[in-house]
Amino acid sequence: MTPTQRRIILPIIALILLLAVWQLACWALKIPVYLLPSPIDIYFGGARLGTGIFSNTFATLKTILIGFLLSCLVGIPLGVAVSVNRLTSEAIYPLIVFLNAFPTVAIAPILVVIFGPDETTRLIIVTLTAFFPIMVATATGIMDTPDEMMDLARVAGASPLRAVITVRLPHAVSFIFGGLRVGVTVAVIGAVVAEFVNANRGLGFLVTSSTAQFAIPTAMACVVMLALISVILYELVNVIHRTFFGWSIRGKSND
């Protein structure tokens, strides 16, 4: 079995075993559905939504992707700015850390009041949730650039901006993608929080409305869809990294 096959087959086997144990435990212990629905209950709970689960998934996915893109457009340039200029770093970085300390769940209702109950507020919440790990990873990668590489750039006559573009950013690519992997998963969390407080559609909205009606299997089906979105987006970032920036992956294994 090749390494690629192992990475695909072994997790699938583990998942099947987990679902089987879960289902058997629910049957054997006669656990009430409203406490812990079995995998079969969750499947039929999602099926009750019909095509609605897909339209609501698309609405949540749209919020996640746009918010994640905005967080990249904010986080990567800001990470570069706070790492290449000491004055900017000392002035801005502590403020960013302080703002990130505010729990998104706590400020989400306030943002709804400020910006109104529409898509803009949800995108702001997702962006605020996802940009920080992207910014920190970018800044870490820029500052990790070896002094020897920077000395070589100066000897070659590169300007500070050119050194950032040709030396620092390429060196930071693996760090940036590490931040993107974290950012895209927390973007899912941000979208759910946003839909909890401000939405009339989406998977987060379905979770709150289903639990309000004690339709726990339906709510769990929506949670499963959210988990699938998170895993798929995480792997998509990995695929983009390997396909277009494979040269930046360190310590590749050929076994």
Protein backbone atom coordinates (compact mmCIF):
# COMPACT_ATOMS: atom_id res chain seq x y z
CA MET A 1 0.00 0.00 0.00
CA THR A 2 1.43 3.36 -1.04
CA PRO A 3 1.63 6.33 1.38
CA THR A 4 -1.14 8.09 -0.56
CA GLN A 5 -3.41 5.06 -0.30
CA ARG A 6 -2.70 4.77 3.43
CA ARG A 7 -3.61 8.41 4.00
CA ILE A 8 -6.97 7.81 2.30
CA ILE A 9 -7.90 4.26 3.29
CA LEU A 10 -6.86 4.19 6.97
CA PRO A 11 -8.92 7.25 8.01
CA ILE A 12 -11.94 5.82 6.16
CA ILE A 13 -11.60 2.51 8.02
CA ALA A 14 -11.25 4.34 11.34
CA LEU A 15 -14.35 6.42 10.58
CA ILE A 16 -16.40 3.34 9.68
CA LEU A 17 -15.36 1.63 12.91
CA LEU A 18 -16.23 4.73 14.93
CA LEU A 19 -19.69 4.95 13.35
CA ALA A 20 -20.28 1.24 13.92
CA VAL A 21 -19.33 1.46 17.60
CA TRP A 22 -21.46 4.58 17.99
CA GLN A 23 -24.49 2.91 16.39
CA LEU A 24 -24.12 -0.28 18.42
CA ALA A 25 -23.71 1.68 21.65
CA CYS A 26 -26.91 3.64 20.97
CA TRP A 27 -28.80 0.40 20.31
CA ALA A 28 -27.33 -1.53 23.23
CA LEU A 29 -27.69 1.24 25.82
CA LYS A 30 -31.03 2.45 24.43
CA ILE A 31 -29.83 6.05 24.49
CA PRO A 32 -32.73 8.47 23.80
CA VAL A 33 -32.52 10.25 20.48
CA TYR A 34 -32.78 13.67 22.13
CA LEU A 35 -29.64 12.91 24.17
CA LEU A 36 -27.42 11.24 21.59
CA PRO A 37 -28.83 10.38 18.17
CA SER A 38 -27.24 7.44 16.40
CA PRO A 39 -25.60 7.81 12.96
CA ILE A 40 -28.76 6.39 11.35
CA ASP A 41 -30.94 8.89 13.23
CA ILE A 42 -28.65 11.71 12.08
CA TYR A 43 -28.88 10.53 8.48
CA PHE A 44 -32.69 10.52 8.52
CA GLY A 45 -32.69 13.84 10.40
CA GLY A 46 -30.76 15.39 7.52
CA ALA A 47 -32.95 13.65 4.97
CA ARG A 48 -36.03 15.34 6.46
CA LEU A 49 -34.62 18.67 5.26
CA GLY A 50 -34.60 17.44 1.66
CA THR A 51 -32.80 19.74 -0.76
CA GLY A 52 -32.99 22.47 1.87
CA ILE A 53 -29.85 21.18 3.54
CA PHE A 54 -27.89 21.77 0.31
CA SER A 55 -29.20 25.29 -0.26
CA ASN A 56 -28.40 26.19 3.34
CA THR A 57 -24.97 24.57 3.02
CA PHE A 58 -24.29 26.70 -0.05
CA ALA A 59 -25.32 29.85 1.84
CA THR A 60 -22.92 29.04 4.68
CA LEU A 61 -20.14 28.04 2.29
CA LYS A 62 -20.50 31.34 0.43
CA THR A 63 -20.09 33.27 3.68
CA ILE A 64 -17.07 31.18 4.66
CA LEU A 65 -15.27 31.57 1.33
CA ILE A 66 -15.83 35.31 0.95
CA GLY A 67 -14.93 35.97 4.59
CA PHE A 68 -11.83 33.79 4.29
CA LEU A 69 -10.75 35.62 1.13
CA LEU A 70 -11.17 38.96 2.91
CA SER A 71 -9.16 37.68 5.86
CA CYS A 72 -6.34 36.74 3.45
CA LEU A 73 -6.45 40.16 1.80
CA VAL A 74 -6.18 41.77 5.25
CA GLY A 75 -4.01 39.27 7.12
CA ILE A 76 -1.17 38.64 4.66
CA PRO A 77 -0.33 42.31 3.87
CA LEU A 78 -0.71 43.21 7.54
CA GLY A 79 1.58 40.34 8.51
CA VAL A 80 4.19 41.64 6.09
CA ALA A 81 3.81 45.21 7.37
CA VAL A 82 4.24 44.35 11.04
CA SER A 83 7.30 42.19 10.37
CA VAL A 84 9.42 44.27 8.01
CA ASN A 85 9.03 47.63 9.75
CA ARG A 86 9.91 47.89 13.43
CA LEU A 87 7.94 51.11 13.95
CA THR A 88 4.81 49.60 12.38
CA SER A 89 5.23 46.44 14.42
CA GLU A 90 5.57 48.30 17.73
CA ALA A 91 2.60 50.53 16.93
CA ILE A 92 0.12 48.10 15.37
CA TYR A 93 0.88 44.58 16.57
CA PRO A 94 -0.08 45.11 20.26
CA LEU A 95 -3.33 46.74 19.14
CA ILE A 96 -4.15 43.80 16.86
CA VAL A 97 -3.44 41.32 19.67
CA PHE A 98 -5.68 43.33 21.99
CA LEU A 99 -8.54 43.43 19.48
CA ASN A 100 -8.19 39.70 18.83
CA ALA A 101 -8.60 39.08 22.56
CA PHE A 102 -12.27 40.08 22.29
CA PRO A 103 -14.35 36.86 21.99
CA THR A 104 -16.13 36.78 18.64
CA VAL A 105 -19.19 35.22 20.27
CA ALA A 106 -19.43 38.19 22.64
CA ILE A 107 -19.04 40.96 20.07
CA ALA A 108 -21.16 39.35 17.32
CA PRO A 109 -24.48 40.77 18.65
CA ILE A 110 -22.84 44.20 18.96
CA LEU A 111 -21.67 44.03 15.34
CA VAL A 112 -25.23 43.21 14.27
CA VAL A 113 -26.45 46.39 15.98
CA ILE A 114 -23.66 48.48 14.42
CA PHE A 115 -23.68 47.15 10.84
CA GLY A 116 -27.22 45.80 10.58
CA PRO A 117 -28.69 42.30 10.12
CA ASP A 118 -27.35 41.50 6.66
CA GLU A 119 -24.58 39.62 4.89
CA THR A 120 -22.05 42.39 5.60
CA THR A 121 -22.12 41.69 9.32
CA ARG A 122 -21.59 37.97 8.80
CA LEU A 123 -18.61 38.62 6.54
CA ILE A 124 -17.10 40.98 9.11
CA ILE A 125 -17.44 38.32 11.82
CA VAL A 126 -15.80 35.65 9.63
CA THR A 127 -12.99 38.01 8.64
CA LEU A 128 -12.30 39.01 12.24
CA THR A 129 -12.23 35.35 13.23
CA ALA A 130 -9.89 34.13 10.49
CA PHE A 131 -7.44 36.95 9.78
CA PHE A 132 -5.40 36.75 13.01
CA PRO A 133 -3.81 33.29 12.51
CA ILE A 134 -3.08 34.23 8.89
CA MET A 135 -1.43 37.48 9.93
CA VAL A 136 0.64 35.85 12.70
CA ALA A 137 1.79 33.02 10.40
CA THR A 138 2.80 35.52 7.71
CA ALA A 139 4.72 37.71 10.17
CA THR A 140 6.44 34.63 11.65
CA GLY A 141 7.53 33.44 8.21
CA ILE A 142 8.84 36.86 7.20
CA MET A 143 10.85 37.23 10.42
CA ASP A 144 12.19 33.68 10.08
CA THR A 145 14.07 34.59 6.91
CA PRO A 146 17.75 33.67 7.46
CA ASP A 147 20.17 36.59 7.76
CA GLU A 148 22.36 35.02 5.08
CA MET A 149 19.57 35.32 2.53
CA MET A 150 18.98 38.96 3.42
CA ASP A 151 22.73 39.70 3.23
CA LEU A 152 22.81 38.13 -0.24
CA ALA A 153 19.84 40.27 -1.32
CA ARG A 154 21.59 43.43 -0.10
CA VAL A 155 24.81 42.47 -1.87
CA ALA A 156 22.79 41.97 -5.05
CA GLY A 157 21.48 45.52 -4.67
CA ALA A 158 17.86 44.60 -3.95
CA SER A 159 15.71 47.35 -2.47
CA PRO A 160 13.81 46.60 0.78
CA LEU A 161 10.58 46.10 -1.19
CA ARG A 162 12.25 43.85 -3.73
CA ALA A 163 13.87 41.84 -0.92
CA VAL A 164 10.44 41.29 0.61
CA ILE A 165 8.96 40.11 -2.70
CA THR A 166 11.85 37.95 -3.90
CA VAL A 167 13.34 36.65 -0.63
CA ARG A 168 11.14 37.09 2.43
CA LEU A 169 7.75 36.15 0.95
CA PRO A 170 8.98 32.99 -0.84
CA HIS A 171 10.64 31.89 2.40
CA ALA A 172 7.39 32.56 4.30
CA VAL A 173 5.12 30.58 1.94
CA SER A 174 5.10 27.42 4.07
CA PHE A 175 4.32 29.53 7.16
CA ILE A 176 1.54 31.38 5.34
CA PHE A 177 -0.13 28.14 4.27
CA GLY A 178 0.08 26.94 7.86
CA GLY A 179 -1.88 30.05 8.81
CA LEU A 180 -4.31 29.50 5.94
CA ARG A 181 -5.06 25.98 7.16
CA VAL A 182 -5.89 27.31 10.60
CA GLY A 183 -7.70 30.32 9.17
CA VAL A 184 -10.02 28.34 6.91
CA THR A 185 -11.14 26.09 9.77
CA VAL A 186 -11.81 28.97 12.16
CA ALA A 187 -13.64 30.73 9.31
CA VAL A 188 -16.19 27.91 9.53
CA ILE A 189 -16.58 28.64 13.24
CA GLY A 190 -16.95 32.35 12.53
CA ALA A 191 -19.65 31.71 9.94
CA VAL A 192 -21.61 29.53 12.38
CA VAL A 193 -21.36 32.16 15.12
CA ALA A 194 -22.53 34.80 12.65
CA GLU A 195 -25.52 32.68 11.63
CA PHE A 196 -26.40 31.99 15.25
CA VAL A 197 -26.96 35.70 15.87
CA ASN A 198 -27.83 37.06 12.44
CA ALA A 199 -29.31 34.85 9.74
CA ASN A 200 -32.52 33.39 8.38
CA ARG A 201 -30.72 30.68 6.41
CA GLY A 202 -27.52 28.67 6.56
CA LEU A 203 -26.38 25.67 8.58
CA GLY A 204 -25.88 27.70 11.74
CA PHE A 205 -29.45 28.94 11.47
CA LEU A 206 -30.70 25.38 10.96
CA VAL A 207 -28.84 24.23 14.08
CA THR A 208 -30.49 26.86 16.27
CA SER A 209 -33.95 26.40 14.76
CA SER A 210 -33.73 22.59 14.97
CA THR A 211 -32.59 22.54 18.59
CA ALA A 212 -35.36 24.99 19.48
CA GLN A 213 -37.79 22.35 18.18
CA PHE A 214 -35.86 19.49 19.89
CA ALA A 215 -35.06 18.04 16.45
CA ILE A 216 -31.60 16.95 17.62
CA PRO A 217 -30.89 14.51 14.74
CA THR A 218 -31.52 17.31 12.24
CA ALA A 219 -29.26 19.66 14.16
CA MET A 220 -26.55 16.99 14.30
CA ALA A 221 -26.87 16.44 10.55
CA CYS A 222 -26.13 20.15 10.06
CA VAL A 223 -23.13 19.86 12.39
CA VAL A 224 -21.85 16.94 10.30
CA MET A 225 -22.16 19.08 7.16
CA LEU A 226 -20.16 21.83 8.87
CA ALA A 227 -17.46 19.32 9.80
CA LEU A 228 -17.33 18.08 6.20
CA ILE A 229 -16.98 21.65 4.92
CA SER A 230 -14.14 22.27 7.37
CA VAL A 231 -12.26 19.11 6.35
CA ILE A 232 -12.77 19.70 2.62
CA LEU A 233 -11.57 23.30 2.80
CA TYR A 234 -8.57 22.28 4.91
CA GLU A 235 -7.60 19.64 2.36
CA LEU A 236 -8.21 22.09 -0.49
CA VAL A 237 -5.66 24.46 1.03
CA ASN A 238 -3.24 21.51 1.25
CA VAL A 239 -3.84 20.64 -2.40
CA ILE A 240 -3.20 24.23 -3.51
CA HIS A 241 -0.02 24.30 -1.41
CA ARG A 242 1.31 21.05 -2.87
CA THR A 243 0.24 21.82 -6.45
CA PHE A 244 1.40 25.41 -6.85
CA PHE A 245 3.94 25.86 -4.05
CA GLY A 246 5.34 22.36 -3.62
CA TRP A 247 8.88 23.74 -3.64
CA SER A 248 8.18 25.37 -0.27
CA ILE A 249 7.26 22.12 1.52
CA ARG A 250 10.15 21.18 3.76
CA GLY A 251 11.07 17.71 4.89
CA LYS A 252 9.14 15.85 2.18
CA SER A 253 9.00 12.12 2.72
CA ASN A 254 9.21 9.71 -0.18
CA ASP A 255 8.33 6.56 1.77
